[in-house]
């Protein structure tokens, strides 16, 4: 088995993907069970150099950050719905100071120690699903989902406790 080097620490396997928590407004959001990947794409801008017009060159252009989805089972906690409702508040102006949130994604190792942390910047809810298709004959769990638009993300190193294994 190959040894992975993570933060200078040798590991025999990568961190498991189910050991994570999501925070906003300085508290963990209870029961988030699934989160999509953090992904960014930078457009390649093609141009020619006058000294070599037979070839094109590439330079970095606009960077786009894909939306992130958060899912959890429906509970009595209304924070998903309250945040999503700030975008669509009939008859009242959008509260910009509460609309955007910075989210923190903390990743933990098998021992429960925080090893990675990412900050998602200036997030707001573009899609909200409060109930799935209802089927009395099914045995599925009712899941609610937020689709969150963001303006960037980066590793949030000051909050991470580095643990040796």
Protein backbone atom coordinates (compact mmCIF):
# COMPACT_ATOMS: atom_id res chain seq x y z
CA UNK A 1 0.00 0.00 0.00
CA UNK A 2 1.36 3.44 -0.95
CA UNK A 3 1.98 6.10 1.67
CA UNK A 4 0.35 9.48 0.98
CA UNK A 5 2.07 12.60 2.26
CA UNK A 6 -0.50 15.02 3.70
CA UNK A 7 0.90 18.11 5.37
CA UNK A 8 4.23 16.33 5.85
CA UNK A 9 2.52 13.44 7.67
CA UNK A 10 2.64 9.95 6.14
CA UNK A 11 -0.74 8.24 5.76
CA UNK A 12 -1.62 4.88 4.29
CA UNK A 13 -4.91 6.11 2.85
CA UNK A 14 -6.62 9.41 2.00
CA UNK A 15 -9.08 11.04 4.38
CA UNK A 16 -12.57 9.62 4.24
CA UNK A 17 -15.16 11.87 2.61
CA UNK A 18 -17.90 11.41 5.20
CA UNK A 19 -16.03 13.04 8.09
CA UNK A 20 -16.97 16.69 7.59
CA UNK A 21 -19.02 19.49 9.11
CA UNK A 22 -20.32 22.76 7.65
CA UNK A 23 -20.38 26.01 9.67
CA UNK A 24 -22.04 29.34 9.06
CA UNK A 25 -22.60 32.22 11.46
CA UNK A 26 -19.98 30.62 13.76
CA UNK A 27 -22.06 27.46 14.39
CA UNK A 28 -22.22 24.04 12.76
CA UNK A 29 -25.31 23.37 10.68
CA UNK A 30 -26.93 20.35 12.26
CA UNK A 31 -27.20 17.22 10.16
CA UNK A 32 -25.62 18.12 6.80
CA UNK A 33 -25.23 14.67 5.27
CA UNK A 34 -23.91 15.44 1.80
CA UNK A 35 -22.02 18.22 0.05
CA UNK A 36 -20.94 18.47 -3.59
CA UNK A 37 -17.30 18.99 -4.57
CA UNK A 38 -15.48 22.33 -4.50
CA UNK A 39 -14.58 23.06 -8.09
CA UNK A 40 -13.11 26.02 -9.95
CA UNK A 41 -12.37 26.44 -13.64
CA UNK A 42 -10.19 29.07 -15.27
CA UNK A 43 -10.85 29.88 -18.92
CA UNK A 44 -7.87 29.67 -21.26
CA UNK A 45 -7.56 32.85 -23.36
CA UNK A 46 -5.87 32.27 -26.70
CA UNK A 47 -3.72 34.98 -28.27
CA UNK A 48 -0.91 35.30 -30.77
CA UNK A 49 2.52 36.73 -30.31
CA UNK A 50 3.57 39.08 -33.12
CA UNK A 51 7.05 37.54 -33.22
CA UNK A 52 5.57 34.05 -33.79
CA UNK A 53 2.22 34.42 -35.61
CA UNK A 54 2.04 30.73 -36.59
CA UNK A 55 1.25 29.57 -33.04
CA UNK A 56 -1.25 30.61 -30.48
CA UNK A 57 -0.41 31.15 -26.83
CA UNK A 58 -2.65 30.61 -23.82
CA UNK A 59 -3.08 32.78 -20.76
CA UNK A 60 -5.38 32.43 -17.76
CA UNK A 61 -8.69 34.25 -18.10
CA UNK A 62 -11.80 34.38 -15.93
CA UNK A 63 -12.04 31.94 -13.01
CA UNK A 64 -15.48 30.53 -12.21
CA UNK A 65 -16.50 28.72 -9.04
CA UNK A 66 -19.20 26.09 -9.36
CA UNK A 67 -22.20 26.16 -7.05
CA UNK A 68 -22.18 23.79 -4.08
CA UNK A 69 -25.14 21.73 -2.92
CA UNK A 70 -25.78 20.90 0.73
CA UNK A 71 -28.24 18.15 1.66
CA UNK A 72 -29.72 16.94 4.90
CA UNK A 73 -32.73 15.10 6.20
CA UNK A 74 -35.70 17.32 7.01
CA UNK A 75 -35.72 18.26 10.70
CA UNK A 76 -37.32 20.88 12.92
CA UNK A 77 -34.25 23.11 12.35
CA UNK A 78 -35.39 25.87 9.95
CA UNK A 79 -31.99 27.49 9.15
CA UNK A 80 -31.88 26.16 5.54
CA UNK A 81 -35.34 27.52 4.80
CA UNK A 82 -34.76 30.85 6.58
CA UNK A 83 -31.57 31.51 4.61
CA UNK A 84 -33.17 30.45 1.30
CA UNK A 85 -36.16 32.71 1.99
CA UNK A 86 -33.96 35.83 2.14
CA UNK A 87 -33.65 35.76 -1.67
CA UNK A 88 -37.38 35.39 -2.18
CA UNK A 89 -39.10 37.55 0.42
CA UNK A 90 -42.36 38.76 -1.17
CA UNK A 91 -43.17 42.39 -0.42
CA UNK A 92 -39.89 43.20 1.31
CA UNK A 93 -36.44 44.24 0.09
CA UNK A 94 -33.61 41.71 0.11
CA UNK A 95 -31.56 42.00 3.31
CA UNK A 96 -28.12 42.06 1.69
CA UNK A 97 -26.31 41.98 5.03
CA UNK A 98 -27.92 38.60 5.83
CA UNK A 99 -28.19 37.25 2.27
CA UNK A 100 -24.51 36.36 1.82
CA UNK A 101 -22.67 34.09 4.22
CA UNK A 102 -19.15 32.76 4.43
CA UNK A 103 -19.32 29.01 4.96
CA UNK A 104 -16.58 26.91 6.54
CA UNK A 105 -16.17 23.24 5.64
CA UNK A 106 -14.17 21.33 8.25
CA UNK A 107 -12.80 17.86 7.42
CA UNK A 108 -11.93 15.47 10.25
CA UNK A 109 -9.79 12.33 10.38
CA UNK A 110 -10.90 8.98 11.81
CA UNK A 111 -9.84 10.12 15.31
CA UNK A 112 -12.19 13.12 15.16
CA UNK A 113 -9.36 15.66 14.78
CA UNK A 114 -9.82 18.53 12.33
CA UNK A 115 -7.27 18.22 9.50
CA UNK A 116 -8.59 20.44 6.68
CA UNK A 117 -10.75 23.52 6.53
CA UNK A 118 -12.05 25.49 3.54
CA UNK A 119 -13.77 28.89 3.49
CA UNK A 120 -16.47 29.42 0.86
CA UNK A 121 -16.78 33.16 0.22
CA UNK A 122 -19.91 35.30 -0.20
CA UNK A 123 -22.38 32.44 -0.59
CA UNK A 124 -26.08 32.88 -1.29
CA UNK A 125 -28.90 30.40 -2.01
CA UNK A 126 -29.93 30.05 -5.66
CA UNK A 127 -32.06 26.92 -5.26
CA UNK A 128 -33.93 25.37 -2.33
CA UNK A 129 -35.83 22.10 -2.16
CA UNK A 130 -37.80 21.59 1.02
CA UNK A 131 -39.67 18.38 0.18
CA UNK A 132 -38.82 15.62 -2.25
CA UNK A 133 -41.48 13.87 -4.29
CA UNK A 134 -43.81 12.33 -1.73
CA UNK A 135 -44.59 8.63 -2.09
CA UNK A 136 -46.45 6.84 0.71
CA UNK A 137 -45.38 3.45 -0.69
CA UNK A 138 -41.68 4.36 -0.61
CA UNK A 139 -39.23 4.09 2.26
CA UNK A 140 -37.02 7.05 1.39
CA UNK A 141 -35.91 9.72 3.86
CA UNK A 142 -37.22 13.24 3.20
CA UNK A 143 -34.22 15.36 2.15
CA UNK A 144 -33.95 19.13 1.86
CA UNK A 145 -31.33 20.71 -0.38
CA UNK A 146 -29.65 24.09 -0.79
CA UNK A 147 -27.78 25.07 -3.93
CA UNK A 148 -25.29 27.74 -2.92
CA UNK A 149 -23.62 30.16 -5.33
CA UNK A 150 -20.20 31.39 -4.24
CA UNK A 151 -17.56 33.87 -5.34
CA UNK A 152 -14.53 31.84 -4.36
CA UNK A 153 -13.03 29.41 -1.89
CA UNK A 154 -9.67 28.83 -0.30
CA UNK A 155 -8.06 26.66 2.32
CA UNK A 156 -8.76 28.18 5.73
CA UNK A 157 -5.51 27.34 7.52
CA UNK A 158 -5.77 29.31 10.79
CA UNK A 159 -8.62 27.06 12.07
CA UNK A 160 -6.93 23.74 11.35
CA UNK A 161 -5.40 21.64 14.11
CA UNK A 162 -2.67 19.53 12.49
CA UNK A 163 -2.64 16.01 13.84
CA UNK A 164 0.09 13.45 13.29
CA UNK A 165 -0.85 9.86 12.53
